[in-house]
Amino acid sequence: MVITRVGPLSVAKVAGLLYGIIGLLFGVFISLFAMAGFAAGANDSPFRAVFGVGAVILLPIFYGCLGFVMTLIMSWLFNIVVGITGGVEVDAR
């Protein structure tokens, strides 16, 4: 089986969702570290608490959007390169 073309929009949608999930995981970890520092009294700034909560909201959106756009570009370039080279051979067993 040889892959000679991928649908850039469909690949970008899947990748955008996957990157959003990764962003959510990173956001949770950043939020936990920020809240732990806030609870420990390392810095009494309310910015730390807002940053911790904001990481859970903003990072998935940022990662998802960036992953979508970059995958859209890369799958478009993939189609161009595959047209020149003849495709990618896949062994489906």
PDB file of N, CA and C in Angstrom:
ATOM      1  N   MET A   1       0.850  -1.165   0.000  1.00  0.00           N
ATOM      2  CA  MET A   1       0.000   0.000   0.000  1.00  0.00           C
ATOM      3  C   MET A   1       0.906   1.242   0.000  1.00  0.00           C
ATOM      4  N   VAL A   2       0.585   2.174  -0.854  1.00  0.00           N
ATOM      5  CA  VAL A   2       1.364   3.407  -0.968  1.00  0.00           C
ATOM      6  C   VAL A   2       0.443   4.600  -0.725  1.00  0.00           C
ATOM      7  N   ILE A   3       0.826   5.450   0.211  1.00  0.00           N
ATOM      8  CA  ILE A   3       0.066   6.677   0.480  1.00  0.00           C
ATOM      9  C   ILE A   3       0.564   7.746  -0.466  1.00  0.00           C
ATOM     10  N   THR A   4      -0.336   8.253  -1.291  1.00  0.00           N
ATOM     11  CA  THR A   4       0.051   9.270  -2.267  1.00  0.00           C
ATOM     12  C   THR A   4      -0.581  10.626  -1.989  1.00  0.00           C
ATOM     13  N   ARG A   5      -1.510  10.684  -1.052  1.00  0.00           N
ATOM     14  CA  ARG A   5      -2.130  11.963  -0.705  1.00  0.00           C
ATOM     15  C   ARG A   5      -2.862  11.821   0.619  1.00  0.00           C
ATOM     16  N   VAL A   6      -2.841  12.899   1.405  1.00  0.00           N
ATOM     17  CA  VAL A   6      -3.639  12.979   2.631  1.00  0.00           C
ATOM     18  C   VAL A   6      -4.512  14.219   2.538  1.00  0.00           C
ATOM     19  N   GLY A   7      -5.643  14.189   3.215  1.00  0.00           N
ATOM     20  CA  GLY A   7      -6.521  15.355   3.273  1.00  0.00           C
ATOM     21  C   GLY A   7      -5.998  16.318   4.337  1.00  0.00           C
ATOM     22  N   PRO A   8      -5.429  17.459   3.943  1.00  0.00           N
ATOM     23  CA  PRO A   8      -4.817  18.365   4.915  1.00  0.00           C
ATOM     24  C   PRO A   8      -5.767  18.809   6.026  1.00  0.00           C
ATOM     25  N   LEU A   9      -7.006  19.094   5.693  1.00  0.00           N
ATOM     26  CA  LEU A   9      -7.937  19.570   6.703  1.00  0.00           C
ATOM     27  C   LEU A   9      -8.300  18.470   7.703  1.00  0.00           C
ATOM     28  N   SER A  10      -8.498  17.249   7.214  1.00  0.00           N
ATOM     29  CA  SER A  10      -8.842  16.161   8.133  1.00  0.00           C
ATOM     30  C   SER A  10      -7.670  15.812   9.037  1.00  0.00           C
ATOM     31  N   VAL A  11      -6.462  15.814   8.500  1.00  0.00           N
ATOM     32  CA  VAL A  11      -5.275  15.538   9.315  1.00  0.00           C
ATOM     33  C   VAL A  11      -5.088  16.657  10.336  1.00  0.00           C
ATOM     34  N   ALA A  12      -5.305  17.907   9.938  1.00  0.00           N
ATOM     35  CA  ALA A  12      -5.124  19.045  10.839  1.00  0.00           C
ATOM     36  C   ALA A  12      -6.153  19.026  11.963  1.00  0.00           C
ATOM     37  N   LYS A  13      -7.385  18.606  11.684  1.00  0.00           N
ATOM     38  CA  LYS A  13      -8.404  18.528  12.741  1.00  0.00           C
ATOM     39  C   LYS A  13      -8.018  17.503  13.801  1.00  0.00           C
ATOM     40  N   VAL A  14      -7.557  16.353  13.354  1.00  0.00           N
ATOM     41  CA  VAL A  14      -7.148  15.310  14.299  1.00  0.00           C
ATOM     42  C   VAL A  14      -5.943  15.780  15.114  1.00  0.00           C
ATOM     43  N   ALA A  15      -4.955  16.347  14.445  1.00  0.00           N
ATOM     44  CA  ALA A  15      -3.766  16.822  15.147  1.00  0.00           C
ATOM     45  C   ALA A  15      -4.096  17.963  16.095  1.00  0.00           C
ATOM     46  N   GLY A  16      -4.985  18.868  15.688  1.00  0.00           N
ATOM     47  CA  GLY A  16      -5.381  19.965  16.569  1.00  0.00           C
ATOM     48  C   GLY A  16      -6.014  19.467  17.847  1.00  0.00           C
ATOM     49  N   LEU A  17      -6.848  18.448  17.742  1.00  0.00           N
ATOM     50  CA  LEU A  17      -7.462  17.863  18.934  1.00  0.00           C
ATOM     51  C   LEU A  17      -6.420  17.179  19.815  1.00  0.00           C
ATOM     52  N   LEU A  18      -5.496  16.445  19.187  1.00  0.00           N
ATOM     53  CA  LEU A  18      -4.441  15.798  19.961  1.00  0.00           C
ATOM     54  C   LEU A  18      -3.547  16.822  20.671  1.00  0.00           C
ATOM     55  N   TYR A  19      -3.194  17.887  19.972  1.00  0.00           N
ATOM     56  CA  TYR A  19      -2.398  18.936  20.596  1.00  0.00           C
ATOM     57  C   TYR A  19      -3.176  19.631  21.714  1.00  0.00           C
ATOM     58  N   GLY A  20      -4.475  19.780  21.543  1.00  0.00           N
ATOM     59  CA  GLY A  20      -5.295  20.358  22.609  1.00  0.00           C
ATOM     60  C   GLY A  20      -5.279  19.494  23.859  1.00  0.00           C
ATOM     61  N   ILE A  21      -5.319  18.179  23.683  1.00  0.00           N
ATOM     62  CA  ILE A  21      -5.253  17.262  24.826  1.00  0.00           C
ATOM     63  C   ILE A  21      -3.891  17.364  25.509  1.00  0.00           C
ATOM     64  N   ILE A  22      -2.824  17.443  24.713  1.00  0.00           N
ATOM     65  CA  ILE A  22      -1.487  17.611  25.283  1.00  0.00           C
ATOM     66  C   ILE A  22      -1.406  18.938  26.034  1.00  0.00           C
ATOM     67  N   GLY A  23      -1.982  19.998  25.469  1.00  0.00           N
ATOM     68  CA  GLY A  23      -1.996  21.293  26.143  1.00  0.00           C
ATOM     69  C   GLY A  23      -2.751  21.254  27.455  1.00  0.00           C
ATOM     70  N   LEU A  24      -3.822  20.483  27.496  1.00  0.00           N
ATOM     71  CA  LEU A  24      -4.580  20.326  28.735  1.00  0.00           C
ATOM     72  C   LEU A  24      -3.730  19.634  29.803  1.00  0.00           C
ATOM     73  N   LEU A  25      -3.027  18.591  29.407  1.00  0.00           N
ATOM     74  CA  LEU A  25      -2.147  17.901  30.360  1.00  0.00           C
ATOM     75  C   LEU A  25      -1.055  18.833  30.879  1.00  0.00           C
ATOM     76  N   PHE A  26      -0.406  19.572  29.988  1.00  0.00           N
ATOM     77  CA  PHE A  26       0.618  20.528  30.413  1.00  0.00           C
ATOM     78  C   PHE A  26       0.010  21.602  31.306  1.00  0.00           C
ATOM     79  N   GLY A  27      -1.174  22.072  30.947  1.00  0.00           N
ATOM     80  CA  GLY A  27      -1.842  23.096  31.737  1.00  0.00           C
ATOM     81  C   GLY A  27      -2.155  22.627  33.137  1.00  0.00           C
ATOM     82  N   VAL A  28      -2.564  21.366  33.274  1.00  0.00           N
ATOM     83  CA  VAL A  28      -2.854  20.816  34.600  1.00  0.00           C
ATOM     84  C   VAL A  28      -1.584  20.779  35.441  1.00  0.00           C
ATOM     85  N   PHE A  29      -0.474  20.321  34.854  1.00  0.00           N
ATOM     86  CA  PHE A  29       0.777  20.265  35.604  1.00  0.00           C
ATOM     87  C   PHE A  29       1.265  21.655  35.993  1.00  0.00           C
ATOM     88  N   ILE A  30       1.194  22.601  35.081  1.00  0.00           N
ATOM     89  CA  ILE A  30       1.612  23.966  35.391  1.00  0.00           C
ATOM     90  C   ILE A  30       0.714  24.553  36.471  1.00  0.00           C
ATOM     91  N   SER A  31      -0.573  24.288  36.370  1.00  0.00           N
ATOM     92  CA  SER A  31      -1.510  24.781  37.375  1.00  0.00           C
ATOM     93  C   SER A  31      -1.210  24.190  38.748  1.00  0.00           C
ATOM     94  N   LEU A  32      -0.913  22.902  38.799  1.00  0.00           N
ATOM     95  CA  LEU A  32      -0.586  22.266  40.078  1.00  0.00           C
ATOM     96  C   LEU A  32       0.676  22.863  40.688  1.00  0.00           C
ATOM     97  N   PHE A  33       1.693  23.079  39.876  1.00  0.00           N
ATOM     98  CA  PHE A  33       2.926  23.686  40.389  1.00  0.00           C
ATOM     99  C   PHE A  33       2.694  25.120  40.849  1.00  0.00           C
ATOM    100  N   ALA A  34       1.908  25.873  40.092  1.00  0.00           N
ATOM    101  CA  ALA A  34       1.629  27.255  40.474  1.00  0.00           C
ATOM    102  C   ALA A  34       0.819  27.311  41.759  1.00  0.00           C
ATOM    103  N   MET A  35      -0.174  26.452  41.886  1.00  0.00           N
ATOM    104  CA  MET A  35      -0.990  26.426  43.102  1.00  0.00           C
ATOM    105  C   MET A  35      -0.184  25.941  44.311  1.00  0.00           C
ATOM    106  N   ALA A  36       0.718  24.982  44.094  1.00  0.00           N
ATOM    107  CA  ALA A  36       1.561  24.502  45.192  1.00  0.00           C
ATOM    108  C   ALA A  36       2.478  25.619  45.675  1.00  0.00           C
ATOM    109  N   GLY A  37       3.018  26.386  44.759  1.00  0.00           N
ATOM    110  CA  GLY A  37       3.859  27.519  45.146  1.00  0.00           C
ATOM    111  C   GLY A  37       3.066  28.596  45.855  1.00  0.00           C
ATOM    112  N   PHE A  38       1.840  28.802  45.409  1.00  0.00           N
ATOM    113  CA  PHE A  38       0.979  29.793  46.053  1.00  0.00           C
ATOM    114  C   PHE A  38       0.608  29.341  47.463  1.00  0.00           C
ATOM    115  N   ALA A  39       0.302  28.053  47.606  1.00  0.00           N
ATOM    116  CA  ALA A  39      -0.082  27.518  48.922  1.00  0.00           C
ATOM    117  C   ALA A  39       1.104  27.500  49.880  1.00  0.00           C
ATOM    118  N   ALA A  40       2.302  27.318  49.342  1.00  0.00           N
ATOM    119  CA  ALA A  40       3.492  27.294  50.189  1.00  0.00           C
ATOM    120  C   ALA A  40       3.892  28.693  50.636  1.00  0.00           C
ATOM    121  N   GLY A  41       3.295  29.696  50.057  1.00  0.00           N
ATOM    122  CA  GLY A  41       3.586  31.069  50.445  1.00  0.00           C
ATOM    123  C   GLY A  41       4.871  31.602  49.858  1.00  0.00           C
ATOM    124  N   ALA A  42       5.351  30.968  48.777  1.00  0.00           N
ATOM    125  CA  ALA A  42       6.591  31.411  48.148  1.00  0.00           C
ATOM    126  C   ALA A  42       6.448  32.836  47.618  1.00  0.00           C
ATOM    127  N   ASN A  43       5.280  33.158  47.148  1.00  0.00           N
ATOM    128  CA  ASN A  43       5.015  34.501  46.644  1.00  0.00           C
ATOM    129  C   ASN A  43       3.534  34.756  46.888  1.00  0.00           C
ATOM    130  N   ASP A  44       3.228  35.802  47.593  1.00  0.00           N
ATOM    131  CA  ASP A  44       1.833  36.076  47.927  1.00  0.00           C
ATOM    132  C   ASP A  44       1.106  36.848  46.838  1.00  0.00           C
ATOM    133  N   SER A  45       1.626  36.793  45.646  1.00  0.00           N
ATOM    134  CA  SER A  45       1.003  37.497  44.534  1.00  0.00           C
ATOM    135  C   SER A  45      -0.203  36.722  44.025  1.00  0.00           C
ATOM    136  N   PRO A  46      -1.331  37.395  43.813  1.00  0.00           N
ATOM    137  CA  PRO A  46      -2.494  36.699  43.237  1.00  0.00           C
ATOM    138  C   PRO A  46      -2.253  36.306  41.782  1.00  0.00           C
ATOM    139  N   PHE A  47      -1.217  36.888  41.175  1.00  0.00           N
ATOM    140  CA  PHE A  47      -0.891  36.545  39.792  1.00  0.00           C
ATOM    141  C   PHE A  47      -0.583  35.057  39.658  1.00  0.00           C
ATOM    142  N   ARG A  48       0.040  34.473  40.657  1.00  0.00           N
ATOM    143  CA  ARG A  48       0.395  33.062  40.616  1.00  0.00           C
ATOM    144  C   ARG A  48      -0.868  32.193  40.539  1.00  0.00           C
ATOM    145  N   ALA A  49      -1.879  32.531  41.303  1.00  0.00           N
ATOM    146  CA  ALA A  49      -3.133  31.761  41.281  1.00  0.00           C
ATOM    147  C   ALA A  49      -3.847  31.926  39.945  1.00  0.00           C
ATOM    148  N   VAL A  50      -3.879  33.136  39.422  1.00  0.00           N
ATOM    149  CA  VAL A  50      -4.520  33.386  38.123  1.00  0.00           C
ATOM    150  C   VAL A  50      -3.766  32.665  37.022  1.00  0.00           C
ATOM    151  N   PHE A  51      -2.440  32.667  37.109  1.00  0.00           N
ATOM    152  CA  PHE A  51      -1.625  31.983  36.113  1.00  0.00           C
ATOM    153  C   PHE A  51      -1.888  30.481  36.145  1.00  0.00           C
ATOM    154  N   GLY A  52      -2.031  29.923  37.333  1.00  0.00           N
ATOM    155  CA  GLY A  52      -2.292  28.494  37.455  1.00  0.00           C
ATOM    156  C   GLY A  52      -3.610  28.095  36.837  1.00  0.00           C
ATOM    157  N   VAL A  53      -4.653  28.847  37.111  1.00  0.00           N
ATOM    158  CA  VAL A  53      -5.967  28.555  36.537  1.00  0.00           C
ATOM    159  C   VAL A  53      -5.971  28.861  35.042  1.00  0.00           C
ATOM    160  N   GLY A  54      -5.323  29.943  34.654  1.00  0.00           N
ATOM    161  CA  GLY A  54      -5.267  30.325  33.246  1.00  0.00           C
ATOM    162  C   GLY A  54      -4.544  29.315  32.377  1.00  0.00           C
ATOM    163  N   ALA A  55      -3.570  28.600  32.973  1.00  0.00           N
ATOM    164  CA  ALA A  55      -2.821  27.604  32.210  1.00  0.00           C
ATOM    165  C   ALA A  55      -3.732  26.471  31.740  1.00  0.00           C
ATOM    166  N   VAL A  56      -4.705  26.110  32.557  1.00  0.00           N
ATOM    167  CA  VAL A  56      -5.614  25.029  32.190  1.00  0.00           C
ATOM    168  C   VAL A  56      -6.537  25.458  31.053  1.00  0.00           C
ATOM    169  N   ILE A  57      -6.819  26.745  30.961  1.00  0.00           N
ATOM    170  CA  ILE A  57      -7.723  27.248  29.929  1.00  0.00           C
ATOM    171  C   ILE A  57      -6.956  27.654  28.665  1.00  0.00           C
ATOM    172  N   LEU A  58      -5.858  28.392  28.843  1.00  0.00           N
ATOM    173  CA  LEU A  58      -5.164  28.959  27.694  1.00  0.00           C
ATOM    174  C   LEU A  58      -4.262  27.971  26.959  1.00  0.00           C
ATOM    175  N   LEU A  59      -3.555  27.109  27.676  1.00  0.00           N
ATOM    176  CA  LEU A  59      -2.638  26.191  26.996  1.00  0.00           C
ATOM    177  C   LEU A  59      -3.336  25.231  26.037  1.00  0.00           C
ATOM    178  N   PRO A  60      -4.462  24.619  26.395  1.00  0.00           N
ATOM    179  CA  PRO A  60      -5.115  23.755  25.397  1.00  0.00           C
ATOM    180  C   PRO A  60      -5.555  24.513  24.139  1.00  0.00           C
ATOM    181  N   ILE A  61      -6.032  25.724  24.328  1.00  0.00           N
ATOM    182  CA  ILE A  61      -6.452  26.525  23.169  1.00  0.00           C
ATOM    183  C   ILE A  61      -5.247  26.873  22.307  1.00  0.00           C
ATOM    184  N   PHE A  62      -4.169  27.337  22.947  1.00  0.00           N
ATOM    185  CA  PHE A  62      -2.957  27.719  22.226  1.00  0.00           C
ATOM    186  C   PHE A  62      -2.346  26.514  21.512  1.00  0.00           C
ATOM    187  N   TYR A  63      -2.155  25.408  22.223  1.00  0.00           N
ATOM    188  CA  TYR A  63      -1.567  24.207  21.629  1.00  0.00           C
ATOM    189  C   TYR A  63      -2.454  23.668  20.507  1.00  0.00           C
ATOM    190  N   GLY A  64      -3.761  23.641  20.727  1.00  0.00           N
ATOM    191  CA  GLY A  64      -4.667  23.130  19.709  1.00  0.00           C
ATOM    192  C   GLY A  64      -4.639  23.949  18.437  1.00  0.00           C
ATOM    193  N   CYS A  65      -4.694  25.267  18.577  1.00  0.00           N
ATOM    194  CA  CYS A  65      -4.670  26.149  17.395  1.00  0.00           C
ATOM    195  C   CYS A  65      -3.337  26.067  16.659  1.00  0.00           C
ATOM    196  N   LEU A  66      -2.253  26.106  17.414  1.00  0.00           N
ATOM    197  CA  LEU A  66      -0.932  26.035  16.795  1.00  0.00           C
ATOM    198  C   LEU A  66      -0.717  24.673  16.131  1.00  0.00           C
ATOM    199  N   GLY A  67      -1.140  23.605  16.787  1.00  0.00           N
ATOM    200  CA  GLY A  67      -1.021  22.274  16.199  1.00  0.00           C
ATOM    201  C   GLY A  67      -1.847  22.131  14.935  1.00  0.00           C
ATOM    202  N   PHE A  68      -3.051  22.714  14.927  1.00  0.00           N
ATOM    203  CA  PHE A  68      -3.906  22.673  13.748  1.00  0.00           C
ATOM    204  C   PHE A  68      -3.241  23.376  12.571  1.00  0.00           C
ATOM    205  N   VAL A  69      -2.769  24.594  12.788  1.00  0.00           N
ATOM    206  CA  VAL A  69      -2.179  25.388  11.701  1.00  0.00           C
ATOM    207  C   VAL A  69      -0.899  24.736  11.174  1.00  0.00           C
ATOM    208  N   MET A  70      -0.027  24.301  12.077  1.00  0.00           N
ATOM    209  CA  MET A  70       1.234  23.719  11.637  1.00  0.00           C
ATOM    210  C   MET A  70       1.013  22.384  10.922  1.00  0.00           C
ATOM    211  N   THR A  71       0.069  21.585  11.380  1.00  0.00           N
ATOM    212  CA  THR A  71      -0.217  20.315  10.711  1.00  0.00           C
ATOM    213  C   THR A  71      -0.869  20.550   9.355  1.00  0.00           C
ATOM    214  N   LEU A  72      -1.696  21.573   9.253  1.00  0.00           N
ATOM    215  CA  LEU A  72      -2.292  21.912   7.966  1.00  0.00           C
ATOM    216  C   LEU A  72      -1.203  22.261   6.953  1.00  0.00           C
ATOM    217  N   ILE A  73      -0.238  23.059   7.377  1.00  0.00           N
ATOM    218  CA  ILE A  73       0.875  23.432   6.495  1.00  0.00           C
ATOM    219  C   ILE A  73       1.718  22.209   6.144  1.00  0.00           C
ATOM    220  N   MET A  74       2.043  21.396   7.145  1.00  0.00           N
ATOM    221  CA  MET A  74       2.895  20.239   6.896  1.00  0.00           C
ATOM    222  C   MET A  74       2.214  19.182   6.029  1.00  0.00           C
ATOM    223  N   SER A  75       0.911  18.985   6.182  1.00  0.00           N
ATOM    224  CA  SER A  75       0.239  18.001   5.333  1.00  0.00           C
ATOM    225  C   SER A  75       0.120  18.517   3.899  1.00  0.00           C
ATOM    226  N   TRP A  76      -0.016  19.825   3.728  1.00  0.00           N
ATOM    227  CA  TRP A  76      -0.016  20.409   2.387  1.00  0.00           C
ATOM    228  C   TRP A  76       1.354  20.193   1.726  1.00  0.00           C
ATOM    229  N   LEU A  77       2.433  20.446   2.500  1.00  0.00           N
ATOM    230  CA  LEU A  77       3.782  20.207   1.982  1.00  0.00           C
ATOM    231  C   LEU A  77       4.023  18.716   1.730  1.00  0.00           C
ATOM    232  N   PHE A  78       3.462  17.872   2.596  1.00  0.00           N
ATOM    233  CA  PHE A  78       3.577  16.430   2.409  1.00  0.00           C
ATOM    234  C   PHE A  78       3.010  16.016   1.058  1.00  0.00           C
ATOM    235  N   ASN A  79       1.842  16.551   0.716  1.00  0.00           N
ATOM    236  CA  ASN A  79       1.228  16.217  -0.570  1.00  0.00           C
ATOM    237  C   ASN A  79       2.098  16.644  -1.740  1.00  0.00           C
ATOM    238  N   ILE A  80       2.762  17.770  -1.620  1.00  0.00           N
ATOM    239  CA  ILE A  80       3.654  18.234  -2.689  1.00  0.00           C
ATOM    240  C   ILE A  80       4.857  17.303  -2.823  1.00  0.00           C
ATOM    241  N   VAL A  81       5.476  16.984  -1.696  1.00  0.00           N
ATOM    242  CA  VAL A  81       6.666  16.134  -1.715  1.00  0.00           C
ATOM    243  C   VAL A  81       6.329  14.714  -2.169  1.00  0.00           C
ATOM    244  N   VAL A  82       5.196  14.195  -1.739  1.00  0.00           N
ATOM    245  CA  VAL A  82       4.790  12.854  -2.145  1.00  0.00           C
ATOM    246  C   VAL A  82       4.505  12.816  -3.639  1.00  0.00           C
ATOM    247  N   GLY A  83       3.982  13.905  -4.175  1.00  0.00           N
ATOM    248  CA  GLY A  83       3.763  13.968  -5.624  1.00  0.00           C
ATOM    249  C   GLY A  83       5.066  13.893  -6.397  1.00  0.00           C
ATOM    250  N   ILE A  84       6.121  14.424  -5.824  1.00  0.00           N
ATOM    251  CA  ILE A  84       7.432  14.397  -6.479  1.00  0.00           C
ATOM    252  C   ILE A  84       8.108  13.047  -6.301  1.00  0.00           C
ATOM    253  N   THR A  85       8.035  12.495  -5.094  1.00  0.00           N
ATOM    254  CA  THR A  85       8.787  11.276  -4.783  1.00  0.00           C
ATOM    255  C   THR A  85       8.010   9.995  -5.069  1.00  0.00           C
ATOM    256  N   GLY A  86       6.718  10.043  -5.199  1.00  0.00           N
ATOM    257  CA  GLY A  86       5.964   8.862  -5.555  1.00  0.00           C
ATOM    258  C   GLY A  86       5.158   8.238  -4.424  1.00  0.00           C
ATOM    259  N   GLY A  87       5.310   8.692  -3.215  1.00  0.00           N
ATOM    260  CA  GLY A  87       4.487   8.167  -2.130  1.00  0.00           C
ATOM    261  C   GLY A  87       5.277   7.572  -0.989  1.00  0.00           C
ATOM    262  N   VAL A  88       4.549   7.185   0.035  1.00  0.00           N
ATOM    263  CA  VAL A  88       5.121   6.566   1.222  1.00  0.00           C
ATOM    264  C   VAL A  88       4.578   5.140   1.279  1.00  0.00           C
ATOM    265  N   GLU A  89       5.490   4.191   1.317  1.00  0.00           N
ATOM    266  CA  GLU A  89       5.081   2.790   1.362  1.00  0.00           C
ATOM    267  C   GLU A  89       4.727   2.396   2.791  1.00  0.00           C
ATOM    268  N   VAL A  90       3.547   1.784   2.962  1.00  0.00           N
ATOM    269  CA  VAL A  90       3.081   1.342   4.256  1.00  0.00           C
ATOM    270  C   VAL A  90       2.830  -0.152   4.185  1.00  0.00           C
ATOM    271  N   ASP A  91       3.321  -0.863   5.181  1.00  0.00           N
ATOM    272  CA  ASP A  91       3.103  -2.296   5.241  1.00  0.00           C
ATOM    273  C   ASP A  91       1.914  -2.563   6.134  1.00  0.00           C
ATOM    274  N   ALA A  92       0.761  -2.911   5.556  1.00  0.00           N
ATOM    275  CA  ALA A  92      -0.462  -3.170   6.316  1.00  0.00           C
ATOM    276  C   ALA A  92      -0.635  -4.674   6.462  1.00  0.00           C
ATOM    277  N   ARG A  93      -0.444  -5.144   7.663  1.00  0.00           N
ATOM    278  CA  ARG A  93      -0.573  -6.585   7.910  1.00  0.00           C
ATOM    279  C   ARG A  93      -1.770  -6.875   8.746  1.00  0.00           C
TER     280      ARG A  93
END
